[in-house]
Amino acid sequence: MPTLDSASTATIVGAARPPQAPAWARDLVVPGAIPALDTLRAVAILLVLMRHAARPFWDSGGLSLLPIGNWDLAIPMINGWIGVDLFFVLSGFLIGTQLLAARARGDRGRYAFRRYILKRALRILPAYYAVLAVAALGLVPFFTVAPEYLGVRVAWHVLMLQDYLPSNIVVVFWSLGVEEKFYLLAPAVVAAVLMLPGRFARYALLVALAGAGLFFRYLMDLAHPEPLEYVAFFQIFRSPAHLCLEPLALGLLTALVHRDCAGRFKAARALFWVGVLGASVLIAGAPMLDVIGPAERLWQPTLIALAMALLVFGAAGGGSPSAFARPWFVATARLSYSLYLVHLLLIPGTLALVDALFDAQLWPSSARFAVFLPFFFAFSAAAALSLHLAVERPFLKLKDRIA
């Protein structure tokens, strides 16, 4: 889930300066940001948007949406849900960098923890609660929320329990529940890591924490050996916070190694491209959750987390090409949280508008999708910018004033 902010801009020794953004985007650029991590954040949100844009048109029964020979261009789109795993790794890196810097300054104790939690709350909750209210009140045309027990459901979303209880107001909110639990856990994890003597022991603890996610999924697989459809799989194996430990723990590990190596890794370029290769094979090979078997339940999340961690590890160490950062990506990264919150609400209305304007209901799926996509991106960008300016930015400024 995209919640990185200006604290994600931990300076790399010798890092290139961010490219000059056009005038319209300058308000969205965070001074001192690591351009490559901004680009990864932008890639992550674009993957998620493409996943949800393609989903209404995707036929898991085998019909191609955008065929190119024997391959379908829609496969990387429908696999775009792995962008959330990239967000988790980036969040682990951000929070780890923040907490390690705070410990180095001597910030610890209850006051430091309260300040840390307050800043996280100001970053996440205002925009989230605003969109939650808009969705629950039915204020978005064509986006409907089932009325049964709505008050109770809103309550568990307010309490950020939607990763364990159904995320059935706006489904993408599940990842915010995971992130919030990670924010609460991370200070204790970092404190425990720094108590250990030597780098090997510290790294091993974080690797063990990552491995706990696989172990918990193994236990869940023993409890649920029956075949599962996607909805049941999502609720049982995908959304609970304790089953998402790999990307978050590996993000913490990248932050620790980044600190220990003063931000420069000799193998950063090689590791970055290994991550690119691994992520590309995963995302482009085949639709990953059309068929859910043992690999999808157990090993697939680990492989995705490893690929994403290598991307972040390499990029943070200066291993990505200089052309990897562009102002459009920087601005998209700054809007990524608002985009994540609002985009799903706009899909039913955009579909209805396209069908009404072009009488597209009977068009082939590929043609209907091609017309739908630019409208969807335009509406999502406009809504995200509005949310950012009206809600997100004022609270970010308040957060940045907290010493």
Protein backbone atom coordinates (compact mmCIF):
# COMPACT_ATOMS: atom_id res chain seq x y z
CA MET A 1 0.00 0.00 0.00
CA PRO A 2 1.50 3.35 -1.06
CA THR A 3 2.21 5.37 2.02
CA LEU A 4 5.73 6.60 1.48
CA ASP A 5 6.38 10.29 2.11
CA SER A 6 9.24 12.71 2.47
CA ALA A 7 10.88 10.46 5.05
CA SER A 8 11.47 7.97 2.25
CA THR A 9 14.12 10.31 0.96
CA ALA A 10 17.00 9.04 3.06
CA THR A 11 19.99 10.53 1.27
CA ILE A 12 22.30 8.15 -0.53
CA VAL A 13 25.98 8.97 -0.55
CA GLY A 14 26.74 10.16 -4.05
CA ALA A 15 23.14 9.82 -5.24
CA ALA A 16 22.08 11.79 -8.28
CA ARG A 17 19.88 14.80 -7.71
CA PRO A 18 16.21 14.45 -8.67
CA PRO A 19 15.41 15.64 -12.18
CA GLN A 20 13.82 19.06 -12.56
CA ALA A 21 10.07 18.63 -12.70
CA PRO A 22 7.78 20.72 -14.92
CA ALA A 23 6.00 23.62 -13.25
CA TRP A 24 2.71 21.75 -12.84
CA ALA A 25 4.41 18.94 -10.90
CA ARG A 26 6.77 20.88 -8.65
CA ASP A 27 4.34 20.98 -5.75
CA LEU A 28 4.27 17.18 -5.86
CA VAL A 29 8.05 16.71 -5.72
CA VAL A 30 9.66 15.97 -2.37
CA PRO A 31 13.02 17.81 -2.07
CA GLY A 32 15.95 15.44 -1.63
CA ALA A 33 14.04 12.33 -2.70
CA ILE A 34 15.78 9.28 -4.07
CA PRO A 35 14.57 9.40 -7.69
CA ALA A 36 14.81 5.64 -8.24
CA LEU A 37 12.59 4.87 -5.24
CA ASP A 38 10.06 7.44 -6.44
CA THR A 39 10.04 5.65 -9.78
CA LEU A 40 9.51 2.28 -8.11
CA ARG A 41 6.64 3.76 -6.14
CA ALA A 42 5.11 5.09 -9.35
CA VAL A 43 5.55 1.69 -11.02
CA ALA A 44 3.83 0.03 -8.06
CA ILE A 45 0.72 2.21 -8.23
CA LEU A 46 0.54 1.90 -12.02
CA LEU A 47 0.64 -1.89 -11.67
CA VAL A 48 -2.24 -1.79 -9.19
CA LEU A 49 -4.28 0.55 -11.38
CA MET A 50 -3.75 -1.64 -14.44
CA ARG A 51 -4.78 -4.73 -12.46
CA HIS A 52 -8.10 -3.23 -11.45
CA ALA A 53 -8.67 -1.61 -14.84
CA ALA A 54 -8.22 -4.91 -16.68
CA ARG A 55 -10.10 -7.06 -14.16
CA PRO A 56 -13.66 -6.33 -15.44
CA PHE A 57 -12.59 -7.34 -18.94
CA TRP A 58 -10.51 -10.39 -18.06
CA ASP A 59 -11.80 -13.85 -18.85
CA SER A 60 -9.97 -16.47 -16.81
CA GLY A 61 -11.51 -19.12 -19.01
CA GLY A 62 -8.89 -18.54 -21.69
CA LEU A 63 -10.19 -15.85 -24.05
CA SER A 64 -7.48 -13.32 -24.89
CA LEU A 65 -7.98 -9.65 -24.11
CA LEU A 66 -4.97 -8.14 -25.90
CA PRO A 67 -3.43 -11.05 -27.85
CA ILE A 68 0.10 -10.80 -29.24
CA GLY A 69 0.79 -14.14 -30.91
CA ASN A 70 0.39 -16.81 -28.27
CA TRP A 71 0.77 -14.30 -25.44
CA ASP A 72 -1.66 -11.77 -23.98
CA LEU A 73 -0.55 -8.23 -23.21
CA ALA A 74 -3.17 -8.17 -20.45
CA ILE A 75 -1.23 -10.78 -18.41
CA PRO A 76 1.15 -8.21 -16.85
CA MET A 77 -1.87 -6.03 -16.15
CA ILE A 78 -3.89 -8.74 -14.44
CA ASN A 79 -0.77 -9.65 -12.42
CA GLY A 80 -0.42 -6.04 -11.33
CA TRP A 81 -1.56 -6.92 -7.81
CA ILE A 82 2.10 -7.59 -7.04
CA GLY A 83 2.50 -3.82 -6.96
CA VAL A 84 1.15 -4.04 -3.41
CA ASP A 85 4.10 -6.26 -2.47
CA LEU A 86 6.44 -3.64 -3.91
CA PHE A 87 4.69 -1.04 -1.76
CA PHE A 88 5.20 -3.24 1.29
CA VAL A 89 8.95 -3.50 0.63
CA LEU A 90 9.17 0.25 0.10
CA SER A 91 7.24 0.82 3.34
CA GLY A 92 9.61 -1.49 5.19
CA PHE A 93 12.55 0.47 3.81
CA LEU A 94 10.97 3.81 4.73
CA ILE A 95 10.02 2.85 8.28
CA GLY A 96 13.32 1.10 8.84
CA THR A 97 15.24 4.15 7.64
CA GLN A 98 13.20 6.43 9.88
CA LEU A 99 13.56 4.27 12.97
CA LEU A 100 17.27 3.62 12.50
CA ALA A 101 17.90 7.35 12.10
CA ALA A 102 15.83 8.08 15.21
CA ARG A 103 17.76 5.52 17.24
CA ALA A 104 21.04 7.02 16.03
CA ARG A 105 19.86 10.42 17.29
CA GLY A 106 18.98 8.90 20.65
CA ASP A 107 15.21 9.21 20.15
CA ARG A 108 13.62 6.43 22.15
CA GLY A 109 11.11 5.89 24.91
CA ARG A 110 7.40 6.57 25.16
CA TYR A 111 7.58 10.15 23.90
CA ALA A 112 9.48 9.15 20.76
CA PHE A 113 7.04 6.30 20.12
CA ARG A 114 4.02 8.60 20.53
CA ARG A 115 5.55 11.12 18.13
CA TYR A 116 6.29 8.36 15.61
CA ILE A 117 2.73 6.99 15.81
CA LEU A 118 1.23 10.48 15.55
CA LYS A 119 3.21 11.21 12.40
CA ARG A 120 2.19 7.89 10.88
CA ALA A 121 -1.45 8.55 11.75
CA LEU A 122 -1.35 12.01 10.17
CA ARG A 123 0.17 10.47 7.06
CA ILE A 124 -2.35 7.67 6.65
CA LEU A 125 -5.63 8.24 8.43
CA PRO A 126 -7.10 11.56 7.20
CA ALA A 127 -7.23 10.65 3.51
CA TYR A 128 -8.24 7.08 4.32
CA TYR A 129 -11.10 8.14 6.59
CA ALA A 130 -12.25 10.69 4.01
CA VAL A 131 -12.51 8.07 1.25
CA LEU A 132 -14.02 5.53 3.64
CA ALA A 133 -16.77 8.05 4.50
CA VAL A 134 -17.39 8.91 0.85
CA ALA A 135 -17.69 5.22 -0.08
CA ALA A 136 -19.88 4.25 2.90
CA LEU A 137 -22.24 7.18 2.32
CA GLY A 138 -22.71 6.19 -1.32
CA LEU A 139 -21.43 9.49 -2.70
CA VAL A 140 -19.63 8.02 -5.74
CA PRO A 141 -21.96 7.42 -8.71
CA PHE A 142 -22.42 3.74 -9.59
CA PHE A 143 -20.17 2.54 -6.75
CA THR A 144 -22.42 0.67 -4.35
CA VAL A 145 -21.72 -0.70 -0.89
CA ALA A 146 -23.98 -3.41 0.53
CA PRO A 147 -26.08 -1.91 3.35
CA GLU A 148 -26.14 -4.99 5.62
CA TYR A 149 -24.50 -4.22 8.98
CA LEU A 150 -22.82 -1.23 7.39
CA GLY A 151 -22.22 0.52 10.70
CA VAL A 152 -20.39 -2.49 12.11
CA ARG A 153 -18.35 -2.85 8.95
CA VAL A 154 -17.40 0.82 8.99
CA ALA A 155 -16.37 0.40 12.64
CA TRP A 156 -13.89 -2.38 11.92
CA HIS A 157 -12.52 -0.36 9.01
CA VAL A 158 -12.06 2.62 11.32
CA LEU A 159 -10.14 0.32 13.67
CA MET A 160 -8.04 -0.96 10.73
CA LEU A 161 -9.14 -4.58 11.14
CA GLN A 162 -10.06 -5.11 7.49
CA ASP A 163 -7.08 -7.36 6.84
CA TYR A 164 -8.54 -10.00 9.18
CA LEU A 165 -12.22 -9.14 8.83
CA PRO A 166 -13.55 -8.73 5.28
CA SER A 167 -12.41 -5.64 3.43
CA ASN A 168 -15.91 -5.25 2.00
CA ILE A 169 -16.36 -1.52 1.63
CA VAL A 170 -13.42 -0.84 -0.70
CA VAL A 171 -11.46 -4.02 -1.15
CA VAL A 172 -8.05 -2.37 -1.56
CA PHE A 173 -8.28 -1.06 2.00
CA TRP A 174 -7.04 -4.45 3.25
CA SER A 175 -3.42 -3.44 2.77
CA LEU A 176 -3.82 -0.43 5.05
CA GLY A 177 -4.72 -2.80 7.87
CA VAL A 178 -1.48 -4.70 7.18
CA GLU A 179 0.56 -1.49 7.10
CA GLU A 180 -0.86 -0.13 10.36
CA LYS A 181 0.02 -3.31 12.23
CA PHE A 182 3.50 -3.15 10.77
CA TYR A 183 3.89 0.43 11.97
CA LEU A 184 3.06 -0.69 15.50
CA LEU A 185 5.41 -3.68 15.35
CA ALA A 186 8.38 -2.08 13.60
CA PRO A 187 9.82 -0.03 16.52
CA ALA A 188 10.04 -3.15 18.68
CA VAL A 189 11.62 -5.12 15.82
CA VAL A 190 14.23 -2.43 15.16
CA ALA A 191 15.01 -2.16 18.87
CA ALA A 192 15.45 -5.94 19.10
CA VAL A 193 17.67 -5.98 16.00
CA LEU A 194 19.96 -3.26 17.35
CA MET A 195 20.37 -5.11 20.65
CA LEU A 196 22.09 -7.98 18.84
CA PRO A 197 25.87 -7.96 18.46
CA GLY A 198 27.19 -7.97 14.93
CA ARG A 199 25.67 -7.57 11.50
CA PHE A 200 25.16 -11.27 10.86
CA ALA A 201 22.90 -11.72 13.88
CA ARG A 202 20.91 -8.61 13.00
CA TYR A 203 20.40 -9.65 9.41
CA ALA A 204 19.54 -13.19 10.48
CA LEU A 205 16.78 -11.94 12.77
CA LEU A 206 15.12 -10.04 9.94
CA VAL A 207 15.48 -13.02 7.60
CA ALA A 208 13.84 -15.17 10.28
CA LEU A 209 11.00 -12.65 10.57
CA ALA A 210 10.51 -12.85 6.81
CA GLY A 211 10.53 -16.65 7.00
CA ALA A 212 7.81 -16.52 9.63
CA GLY A 213 5.39 -15.41 6.92
CA LEU A 214 6.05 -18.61 4.97
CA PHE A 215 5.75 -20.68 8.15
CA PHE A 216 2.39 -19.12 9.04
CA ARG A 217 1.10 -19.81 5.51
CA TYR A 218 2.23 -23.43 5.90
CA LEU A 219 0.18 -23.71 9.08
CA MET A 220 -2.77 -22.09 7.31
CA ASP A 221 -2.40 -24.57 4.46
CA LEU A 222 -2.60 -27.44 6.92
CA ALA A 223 -5.80 -25.95 8.32
CA HIS A 224 -7.32 -25.34 4.87
CA PRO A 225 -6.19 -28.12 2.51
CA GLU A 226 -9.35 -27.87 0.40
CA PRO A 227 -9.33 -26.20 -3.04
CA LEU A 228 -10.08 -22.49 -2.80
CA GLU A 229 -11.59 -19.97 -5.17
CA TYR A 230 -9.98 -16.54 -5.37
CA VAL A 231 -12.23 -14.77 -2.85
CA ALA A 232 -11.67 -17.41 -0.17
CA PHE A 233 -7.95 -17.59 -0.96
CA PHE A 234 -7.66 -13.81 -0.63
CA GLN A 235 -9.33 -13.74 2.78
CA ILE A 236 -7.46 -16.74 4.17
CA PHE A 237 -3.97 -16.51 2.62
CA ARG A 238 -3.47 -13.03 1.20
CA SER A 239 -4.85 -10.30 3.43
CA PRO A 240 -4.01 -11.20 7.09
CA ALA A 241 -1.08 -9.14 8.31
CA HIS A 242 0.93 -12.06 9.73
CA LEU A 243 0.91 -13.73 6.29
CA CYS A 244 2.47 -10.64 4.66
CA LEU A 245 5.68 -10.56 6.67
CA GLU A 246 8.20 -11.25 3.88
CA PRO A 247 8.05 -7.95 1.97
CA LEU A 248 7.86 -5.84 5.12
CA ALA A 249 10.72 -7.65 6.87
CA LEU A 250 12.86 -7.60 3.73
CA GLY A 251 12.17 -3.88 3.44
CA LEU A 252 13.52 -3.45 6.97
CA LEU A 253 16.53 -5.54 5.99
CA THR A 254 17.28 -3.31 2.99
CA ALA A 255 17.14 -0.26 5.28
CA LEU A 256 19.58 -1.84 7.73
CA VAL A 257 22.02 -2.90 5.00
CA HIS A 258 21.67 0.52 3.38
CA ARG A 259 22.71 2.11 6.67
CA ASP A 260 25.54 -0.33 7.32
CA CYS A 261 26.99 0.21 3.85
CA ALA A 262 26.56 4.00 3.94
CA GLY A 263 24.14 3.81 1.05
CA ARG A 264 26.51 2.28 -1.50
CA PHE A 265 26.57 -1.39 -2.52
CA LYS A 266 29.23 -2.74 -4.84
CA ALA A 267 26.75 -5.16 -6.37
CA ALA A 268 23.82 -2.70 -6.47
CA ARG A 269 23.53 -2.59 -10.26
CA ALA A 270 23.64 -6.38 -10.61
CA LEU A 271 21.11 -6.87 -7.82
CA PHE A 272 18.78 -4.29 -9.33
CA TRP A 273 18.75 -6.05 -12.69
CA VAL A 274 18.30 -9.45 -11.06
CA GLY A 275 15.25 -7.95 -9.34
CA VAL A 276 13.99 -6.57 -12.65
CA LEU A 277 14.41 -9.99 -14.28
CA GLY A 278 12.69 -11.82 -11.43
CA ALA A 279 9.78 -9.40 -11.29
CA SER A 280 9.41 -9.48 -15.08
CA VAL A 281 9.28 -13.28 -15.20
CA LEU A 282 6.67 -13.34 -12.45
CA ILE A 283 4.47 -10.64 -13.89
CA ALA A 284 4.65 -11.55 -17.57
CA GLY A 285 4.80 -15.33 -17.50
CA ALA A 286 1.21 -16.39 -16.78
CA PRO A 287 -1.82 -15.17 -14.82
CA MET A 288 -0.64 -15.96 -11.31
CA LEU A 289 -3.93 -16.47 -9.49
CA ASP A 290 -6.23 -17.82 -12.18
CA VAL A 291 -5.38 -21.26 -10.78
CA ILE A 292 -4.61 -21.45 -7.07
CA GLY A 293 -2.49 -24.38 -5.97
CA PRO A 294 0.18 -25.12 -3.34
CA ALA A 295 2.72 -22.78 -4.95
CA GLU A 296 0.30 -19.86 -4.85
CA ARG A 297 -0.54 -20.57 -1.24
CA LEU A 298 3.05 -20.99 -0.01
CA TRP A 299 5.99 -20.03 -2.22
CA GLN A 300 4.72 -17.42 -4.62
CA PRO A 301 4.54 -14.59 -2.03
CA THR A 302 8.13 -15.33 -0.97
CA LEU A 303 9.44 -15.19 -4.54
CA ILE A 304 7.59 -11.93 -5.20
CA ALA A 305 8.95 -10.39 -2.00
CA LEU A 306 12.52 -11.42 -2.89
CA ALA A 307 12.27 -9.90 -6.37
CA MET A 308 10.83 -6.66 -5.04
CA ALA A 309 13.42 -6.48 -2.26
CA LEU A 310 16.23 -6.81 -4.82
CA LEU A 311 14.70 -3.97 -6.82
CA VAL A 312 14.57 -1.71 -3.79
CA PHE A 313 17.97 -2.87 -2.53
CA GLY A 314 19.62 -2.15 -5.85
CA ALA A 315 17.82 1.14 -6.46
CA ALA A 316 18.57 2.45 -2.96
CA GLY A 317 22.22 1.64 -3.50
CA GLY A 318 22.41 3.61 -6.72
CA GLY A 319 22.22 0.59 -9.01
CA SER A 320 19.35 1.73 -11.26
CA PRO A 321 20.14 3.55 -14.52
CA SER A 322 20.09 7.34 -14.43
CA ALA A 323 17.26 7.38 -16.96
CA PHE A 324 15.11 5.44 -14.50
CA ALA A 325 13.78 8.66 -12.89
CA ARG A 326 11.50 11.09 -14.70
CA PRO A 327 9.35 13.98 -13.42
CA TRP A 328 6.14 12.21 -14.41
CA PHE A 329 7.11 9.29 -12.21
CA VAL A 330 8.06 11.60 -9.36
CA ALA A 331 4.66 13.32 -9.48
CA THR A 332 2.85 9.97 -9.80
CA ALA A 333 4.73 8.69 -6.75
CA ARG A 334 3.66 11.71 -4.73
CA LEU A 335 0.02 11.03 -5.66
CA SER A 336 0.30 7.26 -5.23
CA TYR A 337 -1.48 7.05 -1.88
CA SER A 338 -4.44 9.12 -3.04
CA LEU A 339 -4.54 7.16 -6.30
CA TYR A 340 -4.59 3.91 -4.36
CA LEU A 341 -7.49 5.08 -2.20
CA VAL A 342 -9.77 6.43 -4.93
CA HIS A 343 -9.21 4.49 -8.13
CA LEU A 344 -11.39 1.46 -7.42
CA LEU A 345 -14.40 3.63 -6.64
CA LEU A 346 -14.30 5.11 -10.15
CA ILE A 347 -14.39 1.91 -12.19
CA PRO A 348 -18.19 1.29 -12.25
CA GLY A 349 -18.98 4.90 -13.15
CA THR A 350 -16.31 5.01 -15.85
CA LEU A 351 -17.65 1.79 -17.37
CA ALA A 352 -21.17 3.22 -17.35
CA LEU A 353 -19.99 6.46 -18.96
CA VAL A 354 -18.05 4.68 -21.72
CA ASP A 355 -21.02 2.43 -22.48
CA ALA A 356 -23.39 5.40 -22.55
CA LEU A 357 -21.15 7.58 -24.75
CA PHE A 358 -20.12 4.92 -27.23
CA ASP A 359 -22.83 2.28 -26.87
CA ALA A 360 -19.95 -0.08 -26.16
CA GLN A 361 -21.72 -2.87 -24.29
CA LEU A 362 -21.57 -5.22 -27.29
CA TRP A 363 -18.09 -4.29 -28.42
CA PRO A 364 -15.28 -6.85 -28.17
CA SER A 365 -13.65 -6.70 -24.76
CA SER A 366 -10.35 -5.45 -26.18
CA ALA A 367 -11.99 -2.47 -27.91
CA ARG A 368 -14.12 -1.61 -24.90
CA PHE A 369 -11.06 -1.81 -22.65
CA ALA A 370 -9.02 0.42 -24.95
CA VAL A 371 -11.69 3.13 -24.75
CA PHE A 372 -12.24 2.67 -21.02
CA LEU A 373 -8.57 2.93 -20.00
CA PRO A 374 -7.82 6.60 -20.80
CA PHE A 375 -11.07 7.73 -19.15
CA PHE A 376 -10.25 5.67 -16.07
CA PHE A 377 -6.74 7.08 -15.75
CA ALA A 378 -7.93 10.65 -16.29
CA PHE A 379 -10.69 10.39 -13.68
CA SER A 380 -8.37 8.64 -11.22
CA ALA A 381 -5.70 11.32 -11.60
CA ALA A 382 -8.23 14.12 -11.14
CA ALA A 383 -9.79 12.51 -8.08
CA ALA A 384 -6.40 11.71 -6.55
CA LEU A 385 -5.14 15.25 -7.08
CA SER A 386 -8.31 16.64 -5.49
CA LEU A 387 -7.93 14.33 -2.48
CA HIS A 388 -4.26 15.19 -2.17
CA LEU A 389 -4.83 18.95 -2.23
CA ALA A 390 -7.96 18.98 -0.05
CA VAL A 391 -7.05 16.38 2.59
CA GLU A 392 -3.66 14.73 2.25
CA ARG A 393 -1.40 17.78 1.80
CA PRO A 394 -2.69 19.82 4.78
CA PHE A 395 -2.10 16.91 7.13
CA LEU A 396 1.31 16.21 5.60
CA LYS A 397 2.30 19.79 6.37
CA LEU A 398 1.05 19.34 9.91
CA LYS A 399 3.01 16.10 10.22
CA ASP A 400 6.20 17.76 8.97
CA ARG A 401 5.90 20.44 11.68
CA ILE A 402 6.13 17.81 14.43
CA ALA A 403 9.71 17.83 15.69
